[in-house]
């Protein structure tokens, strides 16, 4: 698991996940588990598609840099319902994985549901 201090910045064209032989990389799969286990979907909807909170699948691929993503998760976002998660050690230790999952969603590589049951792509 990757800790906050070792969050990996990726080059603009470098993917944070991989698809090998039709299977998503373990980091994105674990990010899906973090997303669902940490309650992200309560505000951001199934698969990050948006609800009370913003649409994360589009945000991480078009609006937010990785540094912005880390900052918002760590410190929350003023003027919104987004609270800081800096005291959630499990989430903070898995920011790379969560980011990889959301980038894969934004790239339309993964469906919004249970990744174990759904095929890759649309």
N, C-alpha and C. Protein backbone atom coordinates (compact mmCIF):
# COMPACT_ATOMS: atom_id res chain seq x y z
N UNK A 1 0.83 -1.18 0.00
CA UNK A 1 0.00 0.00 0.00
C UNK A 1 0.88 1.25 0.00
N UNK A 2 0.39 2.26 -0.65
CA UNK A 2 1.16 3.49 -0.80
C UNK A 2 0.66 4.51 0.22
N UNK A 3 1.57 5.09 0.97
CA UNK A 3 1.21 6.09 1.96
C UNK A 3 1.13 7.48 1.36
N UNK A 4 0.60 8.40 2.12
CA UNK A 4 0.42 9.77 1.66
C UNK A 4 1.74 10.39 1.25
N UNK A 5 2.77 10.18 2.02
CA UNK A 5 4.05 10.81 1.72
C UNK A 5 4.70 10.25 0.45
N UNK A 6 4.29 9.05 0.04
CA UNK A 6 4.90 8.48 -1.16
C UNK A 6 3.91 8.44 -2.33
N UNK A 7 2.90 9.29 -2.29
CA UNK A 7 1.94 9.36 -3.39
C UNK A 7 2.70 9.62 -4.68
N UNK A 8 2.45 8.82 -5.67
CA UNK A 8 3.21 8.88 -6.91
C UNK A 8 2.57 9.84 -7.90
N UNK A 9 3.30 10.83 -8.30
CA UNK A 9 2.83 11.73 -9.36
C UNK A 9 3.11 11.04 -10.70
N UNK A 10 2.13 11.03 -11.56
CA UNK A 10 2.26 10.37 -12.86
C UNK A 10 2.42 11.41 -13.95
N UNK A 11 3.18 11.06 -14.94
CA UNK A 11 3.34 11.93 -16.10
C UNK A 11 1.98 12.10 -16.77
N UNK A 12 1.80 13.18 -17.49
CA UNK A 12 0.51 13.50 -18.09
C UNK A 12 -0.07 12.35 -18.90
N UNK A 13 0.74 11.65 -19.66
CA UNK A 13 0.24 10.57 -20.51
C UNK A 13 0.37 9.19 -19.87
N UNK A 14 0.88 9.12 -18.66
CA UNK A 14 1.07 7.85 -17.98
C UNK A 14 -0.21 7.48 -17.24
N UNK A 15 -0.70 6.27 -17.44
CA UNK A 15 -1.91 5.81 -16.77
C UNK A 15 -1.59 5.35 -15.36
N UNK A 16 -2.54 5.56 -14.47
CA UNK A 16 -2.38 5.14 -13.09
C UNK A 16 -2.85 3.71 -12.88
N UNK A 17 -3.37 3.10 -13.92
CA UNK A 17 -3.85 1.73 -13.89
C UNK A 17 -3.42 1.06 -15.18
N UNK A 18 -3.59 -0.26 -15.24
CA UNK A 18 -3.30 -1.00 -16.46
C UNK A 18 -4.40 -2.01 -16.71
N UNK A 19 -4.63 -2.32 -17.96
CA UNK A 19 -5.51 -3.41 -18.34
C UNK A 19 -4.63 -4.43 -19.04
N UNK A 20 -4.55 -5.61 -18.46
CA UNK A 20 -3.71 -6.68 -18.99
C UNK A 20 -4.58 -7.91 -19.18
N UNK A 21 -4.59 -8.44 -20.40
CA UNK A 21 -5.40 -9.61 -20.73
C UNK A 21 -6.86 -9.43 -20.28
N UNK A 22 -7.39 -8.24 -20.50
CA UNK A 22 -8.79 -7.98 -20.18
C UNK A 22 -9.08 -7.80 -18.70
N UNK A 23 -8.05 -7.70 -17.88
CA UNK A 23 -8.26 -7.53 -16.44
C UNK A 23 -7.63 -6.22 -15.98
N UNK A 24 -8.35 -5.54 -15.11
CA UNK A 24 -7.84 -4.28 -14.56
C UNK A 24 -6.76 -4.57 -13.54
N UNK A 25 -5.79 -3.69 -13.42
CA UNK A 25 -4.71 -3.89 -12.47
C UNK A 25 -5.23 -3.89 -11.03
N UNK A 26 -4.48 -4.56 -10.18
CA UNK A 26 -4.88 -4.74 -8.78
C UNK A 26 -5.05 -3.40 -8.06
N UNK A 27 -4.25 -2.39 -8.41
CA UNK A 27 -4.38 -1.12 -7.71
C UNK A 27 -5.74 -0.47 -7.97
N UNK A 28 -6.25 -0.53 -9.18
CA UNK A 28 -7.57 0.05 -9.48
C UNK A 28 -8.68 -0.77 -8.82
N UNK A 29 -8.51 -2.08 -8.80
CA UNK A 29 -9.49 -2.94 -8.13
C UNK A 29 -9.53 -2.61 -6.64
N UNK A 30 -8.36 -2.44 -6.05
CA UNK A 30 -8.32 -2.09 -4.62
C UNK A 30 -8.89 -0.69 -4.40
N UNK A 31 -8.67 0.22 -5.34
CA UNK A 31 -9.26 1.55 -5.26
C UNK A 31 -10.78 1.50 -5.24
N UNK A 32 -11.35 0.58 -6.01
CA UNK A 32 -12.80 0.36 -6.02
C UNK A 32 -13.26 -0.08 -4.62
N UNK A 33 -12.49 -0.96 -4.01
CA UNK A 33 -12.83 -1.41 -2.65
C UNK A 33 -12.73 -0.27 -1.65
N UNK A 34 -11.72 0.58 -1.80
CA UNK A 34 -11.56 1.74 -0.93
C UNK A 34 -12.74 2.70 -1.13
N UNK A 35 -13.10 2.96 -2.38
CA UNK A 35 -14.21 3.85 -2.70
C UNK A 35 -15.48 3.38 -2.00
N UNK A 36 -15.77 2.11 -2.14
CA UNK A 36 -17.00 1.56 -1.56
C UNK A 36 -16.91 1.39 -0.05
N UNK A 37 -15.75 1.02 0.46
CA UNK A 37 -15.59 0.79 1.89
C UNK A 37 -15.45 2.04 2.72
N UNK A 38 -15.08 3.14 2.11
CA UNK A 38 -14.89 4.39 2.85
C UNK A 38 -16.10 5.30 2.79
N UNK A 39 -17.14 4.88 2.13
CA UNK A 39 -18.37 5.66 2.08
C UNK A 39 -18.40 6.77 1.05
N UNK A 40 -17.46 6.75 0.10
CA UNK A 40 -17.41 7.81 -0.92
C UNK A 40 -18.70 7.89 -1.72
N UNK A 41 -19.28 6.71 -1.99
CA UNK A 41 -20.49 6.65 -2.81
C UNK A 41 -21.70 7.29 -2.16
N UNK A 42 -21.69 7.46 -0.84
CA UNK A 42 -22.83 8.09 -0.17
C UNK A 42 -23.08 9.49 -0.70
N UNK A 43 -22.01 10.20 -1.05
CA UNK A 43 -22.15 11.55 -1.60
C UNK A 43 -21.89 11.61 -3.10
N UNK A 44 -20.91 10.83 -3.56
CA UNK A 44 -20.48 10.91 -4.95
C UNK A 44 -21.14 9.89 -5.87
N UNK A 45 -22.04 9.07 -5.34
CA UNK A 45 -22.81 8.15 -6.15
C UNK A 45 -22.05 6.90 -6.55
N UNK A 46 -22.79 5.99 -7.16
CA UNK A 46 -22.25 4.72 -7.61
C UNK A 46 -21.13 4.95 -8.61
N UNK A 47 -19.96 4.44 -8.30
CA UNK A 47 -18.83 4.56 -9.20
C UNK A 47 -18.32 5.97 -9.39
N UNK A 48 -18.72 6.89 -8.54
CA UNK A 48 -18.25 8.27 -8.64
C UNK A 48 -18.99 9.11 -9.67
N UNK A 49 -20.14 8.62 -10.13
CA UNK A 49 -20.87 9.29 -11.20
C UNK A 49 -21.58 10.58 -10.76
N UNK A 50 -21.54 10.88 -9.48
CA UNK A 50 -22.14 12.11 -8.98
C UNK A 50 -23.47 11.86 -8.31
N UNK A 51 -23.74 12.63 -7.30
CA UNK A 51 -25.00 12.62 -6.55
C UNK A 51 -25.04 13.95 -5.81
N UNK A 52 -25.09 13.92 -4.49
CA UNK A 52 -25.01 15.14 -3.70
C UNK A 52 -23.63 15.77 -3.93
N UNK A 53 -22.61 14.92 -3.97
CA UNK A 53 -21.24 15.36 -4.25
C UNK A 53 -20.99 15.38 -5.75
N UNK A 54 -19.85 15.91 -6.12
CA UNK A 54 -19.52 16.07 -7.54
C UNK A 54 -19.27 14.73 -8.24
N UNK A 55 -19.28 14.78 -9.57
CA UNK A 55 -18.98 13.64 -10.42
C UNK A 55 -17.46 13.45 -10.42
N UNK A 56 -16.99 12.43 -9.72
CA UNK A 56 -15.56 12.21 -9.58
C UNK A 56 -14.93 11.57 -10.81
N UNK A 57 -15.70 10.75 -11.51
CA UNK A 57 -15.11 10.07 -12.67
C UNK A 57 -14.69 11.07 -13.73
N UNK A 58 -15.40 12.17 -13.86
CA UNK A 58 -15.01 13.21 -14.82
C UNK A 58 -14.00 14.18 -14.22
N UNK A 59 -14.13 14.46 -12.92
CA UNK A 59 -13.24 15.42 -12.27
C UNK A 59 -11.78 15.01 -12.35
N UNK A 60 -11.50 13.74 -12.06
CA UNK A 60 -10.08 13.33 -12.01
C UNK A 60 -9.45 13.23 -13.39
N UNK A 61 -10.25 13.18 -14.44
CA UNK A 61 -9.67 13.10 -15.78
C UNK A 61 -9.69 14.44 -16.51
N UNK A 62 -10.49 15.40 -16.02
CA UNK A 62 -10.58 16.66 -16.75
C UNK A 62 -10.31 17.91 -15.92
N UNK A 63 -10.50 17.85 -14.60
CA UNK A 63 -10.44 19.07 -13.80
C UNK A 63 -9.36 19.05 -12.72
N UNK A 64 -9.12 17.91 -12.11
CA UNK A 64 -8.22 17.84 -10.96
C UNK A 64 -6.89 17.21 -11.31
N UNK A 65 -5.83 17.82 -10.84
CA UNK A 65 -4.52 17.16 -10.91
C UNK A 65 -4.46 16.16 -9.76
N UNK A 66 -3.48 15.28 -9.79
CA UNK A 66 -3.32 14.36 -8.67
C UNK A 66 -3.07 15.12 -7.37
N UNK A 67 -2.30 16.20 -7.44
CA UNK A 67 -2.02 17.00 -6.25
C UNK A 67 -3.31 17.62 -5.69
N UNK A 68 -4.19 18.10 -6.58
CA UNK A 68 -5.48 18.64 -6.14
C UNK A 68 -6.32 17.56 -5.47
N UNK A 69 -6.33 16.37 -6.07
CA UNK A 69 -7.07 15.23 -5.53
C UNK A 69 -6.60 14.92 -4.11
N UNK A 70 -5.29 14.82 -3.93
CA UNK A 70 -4.72 14.53 -2.61
C UNK A 70 -5.07 15.64 -1.62
N UNK A 71 -4.95 16.88 -2.03
CA UNK A 71 -5.25 18.00 -1.16
C UNK A 71 -6.71 17.99 -0.71
N UNK A 72 -7.63 17.77 -1.62
CA UNK A 72 -9.05 17.77 -1.28
C UNK A 72 -9.38 16.62 -0.35
N UNK A 73 -8.85 15.43 -0.62
CA UNK A 73 -9.12 14.30 0.27
C UNK A 73 -8.50 14.51 1.64
N UNK A 74 -7.36 15.08 1.68
CA UNK A 74 -6.67 15.30 2.95
C UNK A 74 -7.33 16.40 3.77
N UNK A 75 -7.64 17.51 3.13
CA UNK A 75 -8.09 18.71 3.85
C UNK A 75 -9.56 19.07 3.68
N UNK A 76 -10.28 18.35 2.84
CA UNK A 76 -11.65 18.70 2.56
C UNK A 76 -11.71 19.87 1.57
N UNK A 77 -12.92 20.31 1.28
CA UNK A 77 -13.08 21.41 0.33
C UNK A 77 -14.02 22.45 0.93
N UNK A 78 -13.48 23.59 1.22
CA UNK A 78 -14.23 24.67 1.84
C UNK A 78 -15.44 25.04 0.99
N UNK A 79 -16.55 25.30 1.67
CA UNK A 79 -17.77 25.71 0.98
C UNK A 79 -18.58 24.56 0.42
N UNK A 80 -18.14 23.32 0.68
CA UNK A 80 -18.86 22.14 0.21
C UNK A 80 -19.05 21.18 1.38
N UNK A 81 -19.72 20.09 1.13
CA UNK A 81 -19.90 19.05 2.15
C UNK A 81 -18.67 18.14 2.26
N UNK A 82 -17.68 18.33 1.39
CA UNK A 82 -16.50 17.47 1.39
C UNK A 82 -15.67 17.72 2.64
N UNK A 83 -15.64 16.71 3.50
CA UNK A 83 -14.89 16.82 4.75
C UNK A 83 -13.47 16.31 4.57
N UNK A 84 -12.57 16.67 5.46
CA UNK A 84 -11.19 16.16 5.38
C UNK A 84 -11.12 14.70 5.83
N UNK A 85 -10.27 13.94 5.17
CA UNK A 85 -10.07 12.53 5.51
C UNK A 85 -8.66 12.28 6.05
N UNK A 86 -7.96 13.33 6.45
CA UNK A 86 -6.57 13.18 6.88
C UNK A 86 -6.40 12.25 8.07
N UNK A 87 -7.44 12.03 8.85
CA UNK A 87 -7.36 11.13 10.00
C UNK A 87 -7.78 9.70 9.67
N UNK A 88 -8.21 9.46 8.45
CA UNK A 88 -8.58 8.11 8.01
C UNK A 88 -7.31 7.45 7.45
N UNK A 89 -6.58 6.75 8.30
CA UNK A 89 -5.28 6.19 7.92
C UNK A 89 -5.39 5.22 6.75
N UNK A 90 -6.43 4.42 6.73
CA UNK A 90 -6.58 3.44 5.65
C UNK A 90 -6.79 4.14 4.30
N UNK A 91 -7.65 5.13 4.28
CA UNK A 91 -7.87 5.89 3.06
C UNK A 91 -6.61 6.63 2.63
N UNK A 92 -5.97 7.29 3.55
CA UNK A 92 -4.75 8.06 3.23
C UNK A 92 -3.64 7.15 2.70
N UNK A 93 -3.58 5.93 3.19
CA UNK A 93 -2.57 4.98 2.74
C UNK A 93 -2.87 4.43 1.35
N UNK A 94 -4.07 4.70 0.85
CA UNK A 94 -4.49 4.12 -0.43
C UNK A 94 -4.95 5.16 -1.44
N UNK A 95 -4.44 6.37 -1.34
CA UNK A 95 -4.83 7.42 -2.28
C UNK A 95 -4.47 7.06 -3.71
N UNK A 96 -3.31 6.46 -3.94
CA UNK A 96 -2.92 6.03 -5.29
C UNK A 96 -3.96 5.09 -5.88
N UNK A 97 -4.39 4.12 -5.08
CA UNK A 97 -5.35 3.13 -5.55
C UNK A 97 -6.70 3.76 -5.85
N UNK A 98 -7.16 4.62 -4.97
CA UNK A 98 -8.43 5.30 -5.18
C UNK A 98 -8.37 6.17 -6.44
N UNK A 99 -7.28 6.89 -6.60
CA UNK A 99 -7.11 7.73 -7.78
C UNK A 99 -7.09 6.87 -9.05
N UNK A 100 -6.39 5.76 -9.02
CA UNK A 100 -6.34 4.87 -10.19
C UNK A 100 -7.73 4.38 -10.57
N UNK A 101 -8.52 3.99 -9.59
CA UNK A 101 -9.89 3.54 -9.85
C UNK A 101 -10.71 4.66 -10.50
N UNK A 102 -10.64 5.87 -9.96
CA UNK A 102 -11.44 6.97 -10.50
C UNK A 102 -10.97 7.39 -11.89
N UNK A 103 -9.68 7.32 -12.16
CA UNK A 103 -9.19 7.61 -13.50
C UNK A 103 -9.69 6.55 -14.48
N UNK A 104 -9.67 5.30 -14.08
CA UNK A 104 -10.18 4.23 -14.95
C UNK A 104 -11.67 4.42 -15.22
N UNK A 105 -12.42 4.87 -14.22
CA UNK A 105 -13.85 5.18 -14.43
C UNK A 105 -13.99 6.35 -15.40
N UNK A 106 -13.20 7.38 -15.21
CA UNK A 106 -13.27 8.56 -16.09
C UNK A 106 -12.86 8.25 -17.52
N UNK A 107 -11.99 7.27 -17.68
CA UNK A 107 -11.55 6.85 -19.02
C UNK A 107 -12.53 5.85 -19.66
N UNK A 108 -13.63 5.54 -18.97
CA UNK A 108 -14.63 4.56 -19.42
C UNK A 108 -14.07 3.16 -19.59
N UNK A 109 -13.05 2.84 -18.81
CA UNK A 109 -12.49 1.49 -18.83
C UNK A 109 -13.30 0.58 -17.92
N UNK A 110 -13.85 1.13 -16.86
CA UNK A 110 -14.63 0.36 -15.88
C UNK A 110 -16.05 0.85 -15.82
N UNK A 111 -16.96 -0.10 -15.57
CA UNK A 111 -18.35 0.26 -15.33
C UNK A 111 -18.52 0.72 -13.90
N UNK A 112 -19.68 1.31 -13.56
CA UNK A 112 -19.89 1.87 -12.23
C UNK A 112 -20.20 0.84 -11.16
N UNK A 113 -20.58 -0.35 -11.54
CA UNK A 113 -21.04 -1.32 -10.56
C UNK A 113 -19.94 -2.18 -9.98
N UNK A 114 -20.35 -3.34 -9.57
CA UNK A 114 -19.46 -4.32 -8.95
C UNK A 114 -18.47 -4.81 -10.00
N UNK A 115 -17.20 -4.45 -9.86
CA UNK A 115 -16.20 -4.78 -10.86
C UNK A 115 -15.95 -6.28 -11.01
N UNK A 116 -16.26 -7.01 -9.97
CA UNK A 116 -16.04 -8.45 -10.03
C UNK A 116 -17.04 -9.10 -10.99
N UNK A 117 -18.22 -8.50 -11.13
CA UNK A 117 -19.28 -9.10 -11.96
C UNK A 117 -19.37 -8.48 -13.35
N UNK A 118 -18.82 -7.29 -13.54
CA UNK A 118 -18.98 -6.61 -14.81
C UNK A 118 -17.74 -6.72 -15.67
N UNK A 119 -17.91 -6.86 -16.98
CA UNK A 119 -16.74 -6.86 -17.86
C UNK A 119 -16.16 -5.45 -17.99
N UNK A 120 -14.94 -5.38 -18.43
CA UNK A 120 -14.30 -4.09 -18.64
C UNK A 120 -14.91 -3.36 -19.84
N UNK A 121 -14.87 -2.07 -19.78
CA UNK A 121 -15.38 -1.27 -20.89
C UNK A 121 -16.88 -1.12 -20.82
N UNK A 122 -17.42 -0.48 -21.83
CA UNK A 122 -18.86 -0.25 -21.89
C UNK A 122 -19.55 -1.35 -22.65
